[in-house]
Amino acid sequence: MSEDHEARIEQLEIDLAHAGRTIEDLNNVVVEQGKQIDRLTRLLDKMTDQVEELAEQVLPAHHVEKPPHY
């Protein structure tokens, strides 16, 4: 194989290694963001329940209903 082909193959291997590392890094970011979204969703649900309970205590005649799409 000529030196030019060897150099091109070596550069492709280097580029592939960098791309693999970038994909791994991006995957880690996506996983962490998913965990954070899950935590925030649970916190939002909890806070929504608390606000609904407070609204019912302050306005007992006012029943808080969730919209039909919930």
PDB file of N, CA and C in Angstrom:
ATOM      1  N   MET A   1       0.843  -1.170   0.000  1.00  0.00           N
ATOM      2  CA  MET A   1       0.000   0.000   0.000  1.00  0.00           C
ATOM      3  C   MET A   1       0.895   1.241   0.000  1.00  0.00           C
ATOM      4  N   SER A   2       0.464   2.258  -0.705  1.00  0.00           N
ATOM      5  CA  SER A   2       1.291   3.457  -0.781  1.00  0.00           C
ATOM      6  C   SER A   2       1.201   4.265   0.505  1.00  0.00           C
ATOM      7  N   GLU A   3       2.173   5.124   0.684  1.00  0.00           N
ATOM      8  CA  GLU A   3       2.195   5.964   1.881  1.00  0.00           C
ATOM      9  C   GLU A   3       0.956   6.848   1.961  1.00  0.00           C
ATOM     10  N   ASP A   4       0.472   7.293   0.799  1.00  0.00           N
ATOM     11  CA  ASP A   4      -0.708   8.154   0.772  1.00  0.00           C
ATOM     12  C   ASP A   4      -1.936   7.407   1.306  1.00  0.00           C
ATOM     13  N   HIS A   5      -2.092   6.156   0.886  1.00  0.00           N
ATOM     14  CA  HIS A   5      -3.219   5.354   1.371  1.00  0.00           C
ATOM     15  C   HIS A   5      -3.097   5.083   2.866  1.00  0.00           C
ATOM     16  N   GLU A   6      -1.894   4.771   3.302  1.00  0.00           N
ATOM     17  CA  GLU A   6      -1.672   4.515   4.729  1.00  0.00           C
ATOM     18  C   GLU A   6      -1.981   5.755   5.553  1.00  0.00           C
ATOM     19  N   ALA A   7      -1.565   6.912   5.071  1.00  0.00           N
ATOM     20  CA  ALA A   7      -1.821   8.167   5.783  1.00  0.00           C
ATOM     21  C   ALA A   7      -3.318   8.451   5.830  1.00  0.00           C
ATOM     22  N   ARG A   8      -4.004   8.185   4.706  1.00  0.00           N
ATOM     23  CA  ARG A   8      -5.448   8.407   4.676  1.00  0.00           C
ATOM     24  C   ARG A   8      -6.173   7.468   5.629  1.00  0.00           C
ATOM     25  N   ILE A   9      -5.775   6.200   5.659  1.00  0.00           N
ATOM     26  CA  ILE A   9      -6.394   5.225   6.566  1.00  0.00           C
ATOM     27  C   ILE A   9      -6.128   5.622   8.015  1.00  0.00           C
ATOM     28  N   GLU A  10      -4.904   6.033   8.300  1.00  0.00           N
ATOM     29  CA  GLU A  10      -4.567   6.462   9.658  1.00  0.00           C
ATOM     30  C   GLU A  10      -5.417   7.673  10.070  1.00  0.00           C
ATOM     31  N   GLN A  11      -5.586   8.624   9.159  1.00  0.00           N
ATOM     32  CA  GLN A  11      -6.408   9.799   9.466  1.00  0.00           C
ATOM     33  C   GLN A  11      -7.871   9.398   9.685  1.00  0.00           C
ATOM     34  N   LEU A  12      -8.375   8.461   8.887  1.00  0.00           N
ATOM     35  CA  LEU A  12      -9.743   7.972   9.078  1.00  0.00           C
ATOM     36  C   LEU A  12      -9.896   7.296  10.436  1.00  0.00           C
ATOM     37  N   GLU A  13      -8.903   6.529  10.844  1.00  0.00           N
ATOM     38  CA  GLU A  13      -8.948   5.879  12.156  1.00  0.00           C
ATOM     39  C   GLU A  13      -8.946   6.916  13.283  1.00  0.00           C
ATOM     40  N   ILE A  14      -8.156   7.950  13.123  1.00  0.00           N
ATOM     41  CA  ILE A  14      -8.117   9.029  14.114  1.00  0.00           C
ATOM     42  C   ILE A  14      -9.469   9.730  14.180  1.00  0.00           C
ATOM     43  N   ASP A  15     -10.010  10.052  13.009  1.00  0.00           N
ATOM     44  CA  ASP A  15     -11.316  10.720  12.953  1.00  0.00           C
ATOM     45  C   ASP A  15     -12.412   9.844  13.569  1.00  0.00           C
ATOM     46  N   LEU A  16     -12.368   8.547  13.308  1.00  0.00           N
ATOM     47  CA  LEU A  16     -13.353   7.616  13.860  1.00  0.00           C
ATOM     48  C   LEU A  16     -13.242   7.563  15.381  1.00  0.00           C
ATOM     49  N   ALA A  17     -12.037   7.559  15.898  1.00  0.00           N
ATOM     50  CA  ALA A  17     -11.836   7.538  17.349  1.00  0.00           C
ATOM     51  C   ALA A  17     -12.402   8.805  17.979  1.00  0.00           C
ATOM     52  N   HIS A  18     -12.156   9.954  17.343  1.00  0.00           N
ATOM     53  CA  HIS A  18     -12.704  11.220  17.850  1.00  0.00           C
ATOM     54  C   HIS A  18     -14.228  11.221  17.782  1.00  0.00           C
ATOM     55  N   ALA A  19     -14.774  10.718  16.698  1.00  0.00           N
ATOM     56  CA  ALA A  19     -16.236  10.667  16.557  1.00  0.00           C
ATOM     57  C   ALA A  19     -16.837   9.746  17.616  1.00  0.00           C
ATOM     58  N   GLY A  20     -16.204   8.615  17.871  1.00  0.00           N
ATOM     59  CA  GLY A  20     -16.685   7.696  18.901  1.00  0.00           C
ATOM     60  C   GLY A  20     -16.677   8.351  20.266  1.00  0.00           C
ATOM     61  N   ARG A  21     -15.633   9.090  20.572  1.00  0.00           N
ATOM     62  CA  ARG A  21     -15.547   9.782  21.862  1.00  0.00           C
ATOM     63  C   ARG A  21     -16.632  10.858  21.962  1.00  0.00           C
ATOM     64  N   THR A  22     -16.853  11.582  20.878  1.00  0.00           N
ATOM     65  CA  THR A  22     -17.890  12.621  20.864  1.00  0.00           C
ATOM     66  C   THR A  22     -19.267  12.010  21.082  1.00  0.00           C
ATOM     67  N   ILE A  23     -19.531  10.892  20.438  1.00  0.00           N
ATOM     68  CA  ILE A  23     -20.817  10.204  20.612  1.00  0.00           C
ATOM     69  C   ILE A  23     -20.988   9.760  22.062  1.00  0.00           C
ATOM     70  N   GLU A  24     -19.932   9.226  22.657  1.00  0.00           N
ATOM     71  CA  GLU A  24     -19.990   8.793  24.059  1.00  0.00           C
ATOM     72  C   GLU A  24     -20.255   9.986  24.986  1.00  0.00           C
ATOM     73  N   ASP A  25     -19.569  11.089  24.740  1.00  0.00           N
ATOM     74  CA  ASP A  25     -19.780  12.295  25.553  1.00  0.00           C
ATOM     75  C   ASP A  25     -21.211  12.805  25.416  1.00  0.00           C
ATOM     76  N   LEU A  26     -21.719  12.857  24.200  1.00  0.00           N
ATOM     77  CA  LEU A  26     -23.085  13.331  23.967  1.00  0.00           C
ATOM     78  C   LEU A  26     -24.102  12.399  24.619  1.00  0.00           C
ATOM     79  N   ASN A  27     -23.859  11.103  24.559  1.00  0.00           N
ATOM     80  CA  ASN A  27     -24.758  10.150  25.195  1.00  0.00           C
ATOM     81  C   ASN A  27     -24.810  10.375  26.702  1.00  0.00           C
ATOM     82  N   ASN A  28     -23.657  10.631  27.311  1.00  0.00           N
ATOM     83  CA  ASN A  28     -23.621  10.908  28.747  1.00  0.00           C
ATOM     84  C   ASN A  28     -24.422  12.157  29.092  1.00  0.00           C
ATOM     85  N   VAL A  29     -24.327  13.167  28.255  1.00  0.00           N
ATOM     86  CA  VAL A  29     -25.092  14.399  28.477  1.00  0.00           C
ATOM     87  C   VAL A  29     -26.588  14.103  28.381  1.00  0.00           C
ATOM     88  N   VAL A  30     -26.984  13.349  27.378  1.00  0.00           N
ATOM     89  CA  VAL A  30     -28.404  13.024  27.189  1.00  0.00           C
ATOM     90  C   VAL A  30     -28.934  12.215  28.376  1.00  0.00           C
ATOM     91  N   VAL A  31     -28.158  11.270  28.861  1.00  0.00           N
ATOM     92  CA  VAL A  31     -28.578  10.456  30.006  1.00  0.00           C
ATOM     93  C   VAL A  31     -28.757  11.344  31.237  1.00  0.00           C
ATOM     94  N   GLU A  32     -27.811  12.226  31.499  1.00  0.00           N
ATOM     95  CA  GLU A  32     -27.907  13.113  32.659  1.00  0.00           C
ATOM     96  C   GLU A  32     -29.101  14.070  32.524  1.00  0.00           C
ATOM     97  N   GLN A  33     -29.330  14.579  31.330  1.00  0.00           N
ATOM     98  CA  GLN A  33     -30.479  15.458  31.116  1.00  0.00           C
ATOM     99  C   GLN A  33     -31.781  14.699  31.332  1.00  0.00           C
ATOM    100  N   GLY A  34     -31.831  13.455  30.914  1.00  0.00           N
ATOM    101  CA  GLY A  34     -33.023  12.636  31.142  1.00  0.00           C
ATOM    102  C   GLY A  34     -33.296  12.458  32.623  1.00  0.00           C
ATOM    103  N   LYS A  35     -32.229  12.202  33.385  1.00  0.00           N
ATOM    104  CA  LYS A  35     -32.385  12.066  34.839  1.00  0.00           C
ATOM    105  C   LYS A  35     -32.876  13.370  35.453  1.00  0.00           C
ATOM    106  N   GLN A  36     -32.310  14.481  35.001  1.00  0.00           N
ATOM    107  CA  GLN A  36     -32.716  15.785  35.525  1.00  0.00           C
ATOM    108  C   GLN A  36     -34.169  16.085  35.166  1.00  0.00           C
ATOM    109  N   ILE A  37     -34.575  15.778  33.956  1.00  0.00           N
ATOM    110  CA  ILE A  37     -35.965  15.989  33.541  1.00  0.00           C
ATOM    111  C   ILE A  37     -36.905  15.152  34.398  1.00  0.00           C
ATOM    112  N   ASP A  38     -36.527  13.907  34.675  1.00  0.00           N
ATOM    113  CA  ASP A  38     -37.354  13.048  35.534  1.00  0.00           C
ATOM    114  C   ASP A  38     -37.499  13.645  36.937  1.00  0.00           C
ATOM    115  N   ARG A  39     -36.372  14.119  37.510  1.00  0.00           N
ATOM    116  CA  ARG A  39     -36.429  14.741  38.847  1.00  0.00           C
ATOM    117  C   ARG A  39     -37.312  15.974  38.839  1.00  0.00           C
ATOM    118  N   LEU A  40     -37.146  16.809  37.826  1.00  0.00           N
ATOM    119  CA  LEU A  40     -37.935  18.036  37.745  1.00  0.00           C
ATOM    120  C   LEU A  40     -39.418  17.742  37.528  1.00  0.00           C
ATOM    121  N   THR A  41     -39.718  16.718  36.757  1.00  0.00           N
ATOM    122  CA  THR A  41     -41.107  16.333  36.530  1.00  0.00           C
ATOM    123  C   THR A  41     -41.748  15.864  37.831  1.00  0.00           C
ATOM    124  N   ARG A  42     -41.029  15.043  38.596  1.00  0.00           N
ATOM    125  CA  ARG A  42     -41.560  14.595  39.890  1.00  0.00           C
ATOM    126  C   ARG A  42     -41.765  15.777  40.835  1.00  0.00           C
ATOM    127  N   LEU A  43     -40.814  16.701  40.850  1.00  0.00           N
ATOM    128  CA  LEU A  43     -40.930  17.878  41.702  1.00  0.00           C
ATOM    129  C   LEU A  43     -42.112  18.747  41.273  1.00  0.00           C
ATOM    130  N   LEU A  44     -42.281  18.933  39.983  1.00  0.00           N
ATOM    131  CA  LEU A  44     -43.409  19.719  39.481  1.00  0.00           C
ATOM    132  C   LEU A  44     -44.736  19.075  39.842  1.00  0.00           C
ATOM    133  N   ASP A  45     -44.825  17.756  39.700  1.00  0.00           N
ATOM    134  CA  ASP A  45     -46.053  17.049  40.073  1.00  0.00           C
ATOM    135  C   ASP A  45     -46.361  17.241  41.554  1.00  0.00           C
ATOM    136  N   LYS A  46     -45.322  17.125  42.387  1.00  0.00           N
ATOM    137  CA  LYS A  46     -45.501  17.293  43.825  1.00  0.00           C
ATOM    138  C   LYS A  46     -45.963  18.714  44.152  1.00  0.00           C
ATOM    139  N   MET A  47     -45.329  19.689  43.530  1.00  0.00           N
ATOM    140  CA  MET A  47     -45.690  21.085  43.787  1.00  0.00           C
ATOM    141  C   MET A  47     -47.097  21.398  43.271  1.00  0.00           C
ATOM    142  N   THR A  48     -47.469  20.815  42.149  1.00  0.00           N
ATOM    143  CA  THR A  48     -48.818  21.007  41.612  1.00  0.00           C
ATOM    144  C   THR A  48     -49.851  20.460  42.581  1.00  0.00           C
ATOM    145  N   ASP A  49     -49.574  19.282  43.124  1.00  0.00           N
ATOM    146  CA  ASP A  49     -50.484  18.705  44.126  1.00  0.00           C
ATOM    147  C   ASP A  49     -50.599  19.612  45.349  1.00  0.00           C
ATOM    148  N   GLN A  50     -49.478  20.158  45.798  1.00  0.00           N
ATOM    149  CA  GLN A  50     -49.495  21.042  46.956  1.00  0.00           C
ATOM    150  C   GLN A  50     -50.302  22.305  46.685  1.00  0.00           C
ATOM    151  N   VAL A  51     -50.138  22.876  45.511  1.00  0.00           N
ATOM    152  CA  VAL A  51     -50.891  24.089  45.158  1.00  0.00           C
ATOM    153  C   VAL A  51     -52.379  23.775  45.088  1.00  0.00           C
ATOM    154  N   GLU A  52     -52.743  22.632  44.530  1.00  0.00           N
ATOM    155  CA  GLU A  52     -54.154  22.248  44.451  1.00  0.00           C
ATOM    156  C   GLU A  52     -54.735  22.054  45.853  1.00  0.00           C
ATOM    157  N   GLU A  53     -53.969  21.439  46.750  1.00  0.00           N
ATOM    158  CA  GLU A  53     -54.427  21.256  48.127  1.00  0.00           C
ATOM    159  C   GLU A  53     -54.624  22.604  48.813  1.00  0.00           C
ATOM    160  N   LEU A  54     -53.678  23.511  48.623  1.00  0.00           N
ATOM    161  CA  LEU A  54     -53.803  24.838  49.219  1.00  0.00           C
ATOM    162  C   LEU A  54     -55.009  25.583  48.655  1.00  0.00           C
ATOM    163  N   ALA A  55     -55.231  25.479  47.356  1.00  0.00           N
ATOM    164  CA  ALA A  55     -56.379  26.151  46.734  1.00  0.00           C
ATOM    165  C   ALA A  55     -57.676  25.608  47.302  1.00  0.00           C
ATOM    166  N   GLU A  56     -57.740  24.302  47.530  1.00  0.00           N
ATOM    167  CA  GLU A  56     -58.951  23.705  48.096  1.00  0.00           C
ATOM    168  C   GLU A  56     -59.150  24.141  49.549  1.00  0.00           C
ATOM    169  N   GLN A  57     -58.060  24.355  50.292  1.00  0.00           N
ATOM    170  CA  GLN A  57     -58.166  24.812  51.677  1.00  0.00           C
ATOM    171  C   GLN A  57     -58.613  26.274  51.741  1.00  0.00           C
ATOM    172  N   VAL A  58     -58.090  27.076  50.855  1.00  0.00           N
ATOM    173  CA  VAL A  58     -58.426  28.507  50.848  1.00  0.00           C
ATOM    174  C   VAL A  58     -59.819  28.724  50.277  1.00  0.00           C
ATOM    175  N   LEU A  59     -60.149  27.990  49.242  1.00  0.00           N
ATOM    176  CA  LEU A  59     -61.451  28.105  48.589  1.00  0.00           C
ATOM    177  C   LEU A  59     -62.134  26.742  48.612  1.00  0.00           C
ATOM    178  N   PRO A  60     -62.692  26.339  49.760  1.00  0.00           N
ATOM    179  CA  PRO A  60     -63.251  24.986  49.867  1.00  0.00           C
ATOM    180  C   PRO A  60     -64.381  24.706  48.876  1.00  0.00           C
ATOM    181  N   ALA A  61     -65.125  25.696  48.495  1.00  0.00           N
ATOM    182  CA  ALA A  61     -66.224  25.475  47.555  1.00  0.00           C
ATOM    183  C   ALA A  61     -65.705  25.338  46.118  1.00  0.00           C
ATOM    184  N   HIS A  62     -64.482  25.763  45.918  1.00  0.00           N
ATOM    185  CA  HIS A  62     -63.890  25.734  44.578  1.00  0.00           C
ATOM    186  C   HIS A  62     -63.122  24.432  44.395  1.00  0.00           C
ATOM    187  N   HIS A  63     -63.633  23.571  43.551  1.00  0.00           N
ATOM    188  CA  HIS A  63     -62.978  22.297  43.283  1.00  0.00           C
ATOM    189  C   HIS A  63     -62.057  22.469  42.076  1.00  0.00           C
ATOM    190  N   VAL A  64     -60.785  22.149  42.247  1.00  0.00           N
ATOM    191  CA  VAL A  64     -59.823  22.274  41.163  1.00  0.00           C
ATOM    192  C   VAL A  64     -59.886  21.001  40.330  1.00  0.00           C
ATOM    193  N   GLU A  65     -60.251  21.170  39.089  1.00  0.00           N
ATOM    194  CA  GLU A  65     -60.319  20.018  38.184  1.00  0.00           C
ATOM    195  C   GLU A  65     -59.224  20.116  37.153  1.00  0.00           C
ATOM    196  N   LYS A  66     -58.643  18.984  36.850  1.00  0.00           N
ATOM    197  CA  LYS A  66     -57.632  18.959  35.803  1.00  0.00           C
ATOM    198  C   LYS A  66     -58.350  18.984  34.456  1.00  0.00           C
ATOM    199  N   PRO A  67     -57.742  19.603  33.473  1.00  0.00           N
ATOM    200  CA  PRO A  67     -58.338  19.612  32.131  1.00  0.00           C
ATOM    201  C   PRO A  67     -58.488  18.178  31.608  1.00  0.00           C
ATOM    202  N   PRO A  68     -59.372  17.971  30.651  1.00  0.00           N
ATOM    203  CA  PRO A  68     -59.655  16.622  30.142  1.00  0.00           C
ATOM    204  C   PRO A  68     -58.422  15.901  29.583  1.00  0.00           C
ATOM    205  N   HIS A  69     -57.412  16.625  29.146  1.00  0.00           N
ATOM    206  CA  HIS A  69     -56.267  15.962  28.542  1.00  0.00           C
ATOM    207  C   HIS A  69     -55.297  15.383  29.563  1.00  0.00           C
ATOM    208  N   TYR A  70     -55.575  15.481  30.866  1.00  0.00           N
ATOM    209  CA  TYR A  70     -54.699  14.895  31.890  1.00  0.00           C
ATOM    210  C   TYR A  70     -55.129  13.504  32.221  1.00  0.00           C
TER     211      TYR A  70
END
